[in-house]
Amino acid sequence: MDIHNHVLLGLISSWMGIVILYVGPETMIPFLSFLAAFFGVILMFWRRIMGLARKVFQFTRSKFEK
């Protein structure tokens, strides 16, 4: 390997170290809290969501069968 490849590999490895350090737990907590709240609401209303989906499916199925 020549010197250019060594320099390039060194820059890439140091850049990846910075990126890995940047994406730590404290940066992911707000995103994961949002996901937990979203899925919590989905689970609270799961029966109604599935009832609505069932009605839509039956409605579209009845329209295409005729």
PDB file of N, CA and C in Angstrom:
ATOM      1  N   MET A   1       0.842  -1.192   0.000  1.00  0.00           N
ATOM      2  CA  MET A   1       0.000   0.000   0.000  1.00  0.00           C
ATOM      3  C   MET A   1       0.877   1.242   0.000  1.00  0.00           C
ATOM      4  N   ASP A   2       0.420   2.216  -0.725  1.00  0.00           N
ATOM      5  CA  ASP A   2       1.168   3.460  -0.723  1.00  0.00           C
ATOM      6  C   ASP A   2       0.632   4.383   0.366  1.00  0.00           C
ATOM      7  N   ILE A   3       1.235   5.527   0.496  1.00  0.00           N
ATOM      8  CA  ILE A   3       0.915   6.455   1.583  1.00  0.00           C
ATOM      9  C   ILE A   3      -0.505   7.016   1.464  1.00  0.00           C
ATOM     10  N   HIS A   4      -1.011   7.149   0.239  1.00  0.00           N
ATOM     11  CA  HIS A   4      -2.357   7.695   0.047  1.00  0.00           C
ATOM     12  C   HIS A   4      -3.419   6.765   0.628  1.00  0.00           C
ATOM     13  N   ASN A   5      -3.242   5.469   0.449  1.00  0.00           N
ATOM     14  CA  ASN A   5      -4.200   4.507   1.003  1.00  0.00           C
ATOM     15  C   ASN A   5      -4.178   4.516   2.526  1.00  0.00           C
ATOM     16  N   HIS A   6      -2.988   4.633   3.114  1.00  0.00           N
ATOM     17  CA  HIS A   6      -2.885   4.684   4.570  1.00  0.00           C
ATOM     18  C   HIS A   6      -3.573   5.931   5.122  1.00  0.00           C
ATOM     19  N   VAL A   7      -3.368   7.055   4.467  1.00  0.00           N
ATOM     20  CA  VAL A   7      -3.994   8.298   4.915  1.00  0.00           C
ATOM     21  C   VAL A   7      -5.503   8.207   4.779  1.00  0.00           C
ATOM     22  N   LEU A   8      -5.962   7.669   3.655  1.00  0.00           N
ATOM     23  CA  LEU A   8      -7.397   7.537   3.426  1.00  0.00           C
ATOM     24  C   LEU A   8      -8.034   6.597   4.451  1.00  0.00           C
ATOM     25  N   LEU A   9      -7.411   5.471   4.726  1.00  0.00           N
ATOM     26  CA  LEU A   9      -7.935   4.544   5.726  1.00  0.00           C
ATOM     27  C   LEU A   9      -7.931   5.163   7.117  1.00  0.00           C
ATOM     28  N   GLY A  10      -6.918   5.943   7.417  1.00  0.00           N
ATOM     29  CA  GLY A  10      -6.870   6.625   8.712  1.00  0.00           C
ATOM     30  C   GLY A  10      -7.979   7.657   8.856  1.00  0.00           C
ATOM     31  N   LEU A  11      -8.246   8.391   7.787  1.00  0.00           N
ATOM     32  CA  LEU A  11      -9.331   9.379   7.834  1.00  0.00           C
ATOM     33  C   LEU A  11     -10.692   8.700   7.969  1.00  0.00           C
ATOM     34  N   ILE A  12     -10.884   7.616   7.239  1.00  0.00           N
ATOM     35  CA  ILE A  12     -12.165   6.902   7.312  1.00  0.00           C
ATOM     36  C   ILE A  12     -12.368   6.321   8.705  1.00  0.00           C
ATOM     37  N   SER A  13     -11.354   5.719   9.263  1.00  0.00           N
ATOM     38  CA  SER A  13     -11.517   5.118  10.587  1.00  0.00           C
ATOM     39  C   SER A  13     -11.742   6.181  11.660  1.00  0.00           C
ATOM     40  N   SER A  14     -11.066   7.316  11.560  1.00  0.00           N
ATOM     41  CA  SER A  14     -11.303   8.364  12.558  1.00  0.00           C
ATOM     42  C   SER A  14     -12.688   8.974  12.370  1.00  0.00           C
ATOM     43  N   TRP A  15     -13.158   9.115  11.136  1.00  0.00           N
ATOM     44  CA  TRP A  15     -14.499   9.651  10.879  1.00  0.00           C
ATOM     45  C   TRP A  15     -15.563   8.694  11.408  1.00  0.00           C
ATOM     46  N   MET A  16     -15.390   7.401  11.209  1.00  0.00           N
ATOM     47  CA  MET A  16     -16.355   6.423  11.702  1.00  0.00           C
ATOM     48  C   MET A  16     -16.371   6.414  13.225  1.00  0.00           C
ATOM     49  N   GLY A  17     -15.236   6.631  13.854  1.00  0.00           N
ATOM     50  CA  GLY A  17     -15.207   6.721  15.308  1.00  0.00           C
ATOM     51  C   GLY A  17     -16.006   7.895  15.816  1.00  0.00           C
ATOM     52  N   ILE A  18     -15.922   9.015  15.107  1.00  0.00           N
ATOM     53  CA  ILE A  18     -16.703  10.189  15.503  1.00  0.00           C
ATOM     54  C   ILE A  18     -18.179   9.925  15.319  1.00  0.00           C
ATOM     55  N   VAL A  19     -18.573   9.291  14.225  1.00  0.00           N
ATOM     56  CA  VAL A  19     -19.982   8.998  13.969  1.00  0.00           C
ATOM     57  C   VAL A  19     -20.514   8.029  15.014  1.00  0.00           C
ATOM     58  N   ILE A  20     -19.748   7.014  15.352  1.00  0.00           N
ATOM     59  CA  ILE A  20     -20.192   6.039  16.354  1.00  0.00           C
ATOM     60  C   ILE A  20     -20.325   6.706  17.720  1.00  0.00           C
ATOM     61  N   LEU A  21     -19.419   7.590  18.061  1.00  0.00           N
ATOM     62  CA  LEU A  21     -19.524   8.300  19.328  1.00  0.00           C
ATOM     63  C   LEU A  21     -20.718   9.250  19.338  1.00  0.00           C
ATOM     64  N   TYR A  22     -21.046   9.804  18.186  1.00  0.00           N
ATOM     65  CA  TYR A  22     -22.165  10.742  18.120  1.00  0.00           C
ATOM     66  C   TYR A  22     -23.498  10.034  18.336  1.00  0.00           C
ATOM     67  N   VAL A  23     -23.659   8.829  17.822  1.00  0.00           N
ATOM     68  CA  VAL A  23     -24.918   8.096  17.959  1.00  0.00           C
ATOM     69  C   VAL A  23     -24.836   7.257  19.224  1.00  0.00           C
ATOM     70  N   GLY A  24     -24.965   7.926  20.337  1.00  0.00           N
ATOM     71  CA  GLY A  24     -24.958   7.249  21.616  1.00  0.00           C
ATOM     72  C   GLY A  24     -26.360   7.121  22.169  1.00  0.00           C
ATOM     73  N   PRO A  25     -26.485   6.540  23.336  1.00  0.00           N
ATOM     74  CA  PRO A  25     -27.813   6.350  23.924  1.00  0.00           C
ATOM     75  C   PRO A  25     -28.555   7.659  24.179  1.00  0.00           C
ATOM     76  N   GLU A  26     -27.839   8.688  24.562  1.00  0.00           N
ATOM     77  CA  GLU A  26     -28.516   9.947  24.874  1.00  0.00           C
ATOM     78  C   GLU A  26     -29.090  10.621  23.633  1.00  0.00           C
ATOM     79  N   THR A  27     -28.602  10.280  22.457  1.00  0.00           N
ATOM     80  CA  THR A  27     -29.186  10.830  21.241  1.00  0.00           C
ATOM     81  C   THR A  27     -30.350   9.980  20.739  1.00  0.00           C
ATOM     82  N   MET A  28     -30.435   8.736  21.168  1.00  0.00           N
ATOM     83  CA  MET A  28     -31.507   7.852  20.720  1.00  0.00           C
ATOM     84  C   MET A  28     -32.721   7.868  21.651  1.00  0.00           C
ATOM     85  N   ILE A  29     -32.578   8.349  22.862  1.00  0.00           N
ATOM     86  CA  ILE A  29     -33.676   8.313  23.838  1.00  0.00           C
ATOM     87  C   ILE A  29     -34.920   9.073  23.353  1.00  0.00           C
ATOM     88  N   PRO A  30     -34.816  10.283  22.813  1.00  0.00           N
ATOM     89  CA  PRO A  30     -36.044  10.945  22.346  1.00  0.00           C
ATOM     90  C   PRO A  30     -36.748  10.180  21.224  1.00  0.00           C
ATOM     91  N   PHE A  31     -35.981   9.638  20.310  1.00  0.00           N
ATOM     92  CA  PHE A  31     -36.570   8.870  19.206  1.00  0.00           C
ATOM     93  C   PHE A  31     -37.260   7.614  19.719  1.00  0.00           C
ATOM     94  N   LEU A  32     -36.606   6.901  20.607  1.00  0.00           N
ATOM     95  CA  LEU A  32     -37.206   5.680  21.145  1.00  0.00           C
ATOM     96  C   LEU A  32     -38.401   5.987  22.033  1.00  0.00           C
ATOM     97  N   SER A  33     -38.396   7.110  22.724  1.00  0.00           N
ATOM     98  CA  SER A  33     -39.562   7.512  23.511  1.00  0.00           C
ATOM     99  C   SER A  33     -40.746   7.799  22.608  1.00  0.00           C
ATOM    100  N   PHE A  34     -40.494   8.454  21.490  1.00  0.00           N
ATOM    101  CA  PHE A  34     -41.555   8.701  20.524  1.00  0.00           C
ATOM    102  C   PHE A  34     -42.121   7.392  19.985  1.00  0.00           C
ATOM    103  N   LEU A  35     -41.249   6.448  19.632  1.00  0.00           N
ATOM    104  CA  LEU A  35     -41.723   5.154  19.137  1.00  0.00           C
ATOM    105  C   LEU A  35     -42.539   4.415  20.185  1.00  0.00           C
ATOM    106  N   ALA A  36     -42.105   4.448  21.431  1.00  0.00           N
ATOM    107  CA  ALA A  36     -42.842   3.770  22.496  1.00  0.00           C
ATOM    108  C   ALA A  36     -44.215   4.397  22.690  1.00  0.00           C
ATOM    109  N   ALA A  37     -44.292   5.725  22.643  1.00  0.00           N
ATOM    110  CA  ALA A  37     -45.588   6.394  22.786  1.00  0.00           C
ATOM    111  C   ALA A  37     -46.497   6.076  21.608  1.00  0.00           C
ATOM    112  N   PHE A  38     -45.950   6.056  20.415  1.00  0.00           N
ATOM    113  CA  PHE A  38     -46.732   5.753  19.216  1.00  0.00           C
ATOM    114  C   PHE A  38     -47.309   4.344  19.284  1.00  0.00           C
ATOM    115  N   PHE A  39     -46.470   3.365  19.609  1.00  0.00           N
ATOM    116  CA  PHE A  39     -46.954   1.987  19.685  1.00  0.00           C
ATOM    117  C   PHE A  39     -47.877   1.781  20.883  1.00  0.00           C
ATOM    118  N   GLY A  40     -47.693   2.543  21.937  1.00  0.00           N
ATOM    119  CA  GLY A  40     -48.607   2.474  23.069  1.00  0.00           C
ATOM    120  C   GLY A  40     -50.001   2.921  22.684  1.00  0.00           C
ATOM    121  N   VAL A  41     -50.088   4.010  21.923  1.00  0.00           N
ATOM    122  CA  VAL A  41     -51.404   4.483  21.454  1.00  0.00           C
ATOM    123  C   VAL A  41     -52.015   3.466  20.504  1.00  0.00           C
ATOM    124  N   ILE A  42     -51.204   2.912  19.630  1.00  0.00           N
ATOM    125  CA  ILE A  42     -51.707   1.881  18.705  1.00  0.00           C
ATOM    126  C   ILE A  42     -52.271   0.703  19.493  1.00  0.00           C
ATOM    127  N   LEU A  43     -51.568   0.257  20.515  1.00  0.00           N
ATOM    128  CA  LEU A  43     -52.045  -0.881  21.297  1.00  0.00           C
ATOM    129  C   LEU A  43     -53.289  -0.544  22.105  1.00  0.00           C
ATOM    130  N   MET A  44     -53.430   0.693  22.552  1.00  0.00           N
ATOM    131  CA  MET A  44     -54.616   1.085  23.303  1.00  0.00           C
ATOM    132  C   MET A  44     -55.869   1.010  22.438  1.00  0.00           C
ATOM    133  N   PHE A  45     -55.730   1.365  21.175  1.00  0.00           N
ATOM    134  CA  PHE A  45     -56.878   1.389  20.279  1.00  0.00           C
ATOM    135  C   PHE A  45     -56.842   0.255  19.260  1.00  0.00           C
ATOM    136  N   TRP A  46     -56.131  -0.838  19.558  1.00  0.00           N
ATOM    137  CA  TRP A  46     -55.940  -1.923  18.606  1.00  0.00           C
ATOM    138  C   TRP A  46     -57.260  -2.542  18.159  1.00  0.00           C
ATOM    139  N   ARG A  47     -58.194  -2.741  19.093  1.00  0.00           N
ATOM    140  CA  ARG A  47     -59.467  -3.376  18.751  1.00  0.00           C
ATOM    141  C   ARG A  47     -60.257  -2.496  17.780  1.00  0.00           C
ATOM    142  N   ARG A  48     -60.258  -1.201  18.031  1.00  0.00           N
ATOM    143  CA  ARG A  48     -60.986  -0.287  17.131  1.00  0.00           C
ATOM    144  C   ARG A  48     -60.305  -0.181  15.770  1.00  0.00           C
ATOM    145  N   ILE A  49     -58.989  -0.184  15.756  1.00  0.00           N
ATOM    146  CA  ILE A  49     -58.254  -0.115  14.491  1.00  0.00           C
ATOM    147  C   ILE A  49     -58.533  -1.360  13.661  1.00  0.00           C
ATOM    148  N   MET A  50     -58.507  -2.520  14.299  1.00  0.00           N
ATOM    149  CA  MET A  50     -58.776  -3.754  13.567  1.00  0.00           C
ATOM    150  C   MET A  50     -60.233  -3.827  13.121  1.00  0.00           C
ATOM    151  N   GLY A  51     -61.165  -3.320  13.929  1.00  0.00           N
ATOM    152  CA  GLY A  51     -62.570  -3.270  13.523  1.00  0.00           C
ATOM    153  C   GLY A  51     -62.766  -2.387  12.301  1.00  0.00           C
ATOM    154  N   LEU A  52     -62.101  -1.243  12.287  1.00  0.00           N
ATOM    155  CA  LEU A  52     -62.179  -0.353  11.138  1.00  0.00           C
ATOM    156  C   LEU A  52     -61.563  -1.002   9.904  1.00  0.00           C
ATOM    157  N   ALA A  53     -60.424  -1.653  10.069  1.00  0.00           N
ATOM    158  CA  ALA A  53     -59.775  -2.330   8.948  1.00  0.00           C
ATOM    159  C   ALA A  53     -60.667  -3.450   8.419  1.00  0.00           C
ATOM    160  N   ARG A  54     -61.306  -4.174   9.312  1.00  0.00           N
ATOM    161  CA  ARG A  54     -62.204  -5.250   8.897  1.00  0.00           C
ATOM    162  C   ARG A  54     -63.387  -4.700   8.100  1.00  0.00           C
ATOM    163  N   LYS A  55     -63.971  -3.583   8.556  1.00  0.00           N
ATOM    164  CA  LYS A  55     -65.091  -2.973   7.840  1.00  0.00           C
ATOM    165  C   LYS A  55     -64.666  -2.482   6.453  1.00  0.00           C
ATOM    166  N   VAL A  56     -63.491  -1.858   6.377  1.00  0.00           N
ATOM    167  CA  VAL A  56     -62.995  -1.382   5.082  1.00  0.00           C
ATOM    168  C   VAL A  56     -62.754  -2.559   4.150  1.00  0.00           C
ATOM    169  N   PHE A  57     -62.174  -3.639   4.663  1.00  0.00           N
ATOM    170  CA  PHE A  57     -61.907  -4.821   3.853  1.00  0.00           C
ATOM    171  C   PHE A  57     -63.212  -5.431   3.351  1.00  0.00           C
ATOM    172  N   GLN A  58     -64.201  -5.563   4.229  1.00  0.00           N
ATOM    173  CA  GLN A  58     -65.484  -6.124   3.824  1.00  0.00           C
ATOM    174  C   GLN A  58     -66.192  -5.225   2.816  1.00  0.00           C
ATOM    175  N   PHE A  59     -66.099  -3.909   3.003  1.00  0.00           N
ATOM    176  CA  PHE A  59     -66.724  -2.977   2.072  1.00  0.00           C
ATOM    177  C   PHE A  59     -66.101  -3.083   0.682  1.00  0.00           C
ATOM    178  N   THR A  60     -64.768  -3.070   0.632  1.00  0.00           N
ATOM    179  CA  THR A  60     -64.095  -3.150  -0.681  1.00  0.00           C
ATOM    180  C   THR A  60     -64.312  -4.514  -1.313  1.00  0.00           C
ATOM    181  N   ARG A  61     -64.349  -5.556  -0.510  1.00  0.00           N
ATOM    182  CA  ARG A  61     -64.573  -6.907  -1.040  1.00  0.00           C
ATOM    183  C   ARG A  61     -65.991  -7.014  -1.626  1.00  0.00           C
ATOM    184  N   SER A  62     -66.970  -6.435  -0.953  1.00  0.00           N
ATOM    185  CA  SER A  62     -68.342  -6.501  -1.453  1.00  0.00           C
ATOM    186  C   SER A  62     -68.489  -5.682  -2.740  1.00  0.00           C
ATOM    187  N   LYS A  63     -67.749  -4.591  -2.879  1.00  0.00           N
ATOM    188  CA  LYS A  63     -67.817  -3.782  -4.095  1.00  0.00           C
ATOM    189  C   LYS A  63     -67.195  -4.504  -5.309  1.00  0.00           C
ATOM    190  N   PHE A  64     -66.140  -5.260  -5.069  1.00  0.00           N
ATOM    191  CA  PHE A  64     -65.464  -5.946  -6.186  1.00  0.00           C
ATOM    192  C   PHE A  64     -66.134  -7.260  -6.552  1.00  0.00           C
ATOM    193  N   GLU A  65     -66.917  -7.845  -5.658  1.00  0.00           N
ATOM    194  CA  GLU A  65     -67.585  -9.108  -5.961  1.00  0.00           C
ATOM    195  C   GLU A  65     -68.793  -8.917  -6.858  1.00  0.00           C
ATOM    196  N   LYS A  66     -69.380  -7.741  -6.835  1.00  0.00           N
ATOM    197  CA  LYS A  66     -70.581  -7.507  -7.644  1.00  0.00           C
ATOM    198  C   LYS A  66     -70.274  -7.224  -9.091  1.00  0.00           C
TER     199      LYS A  66
END
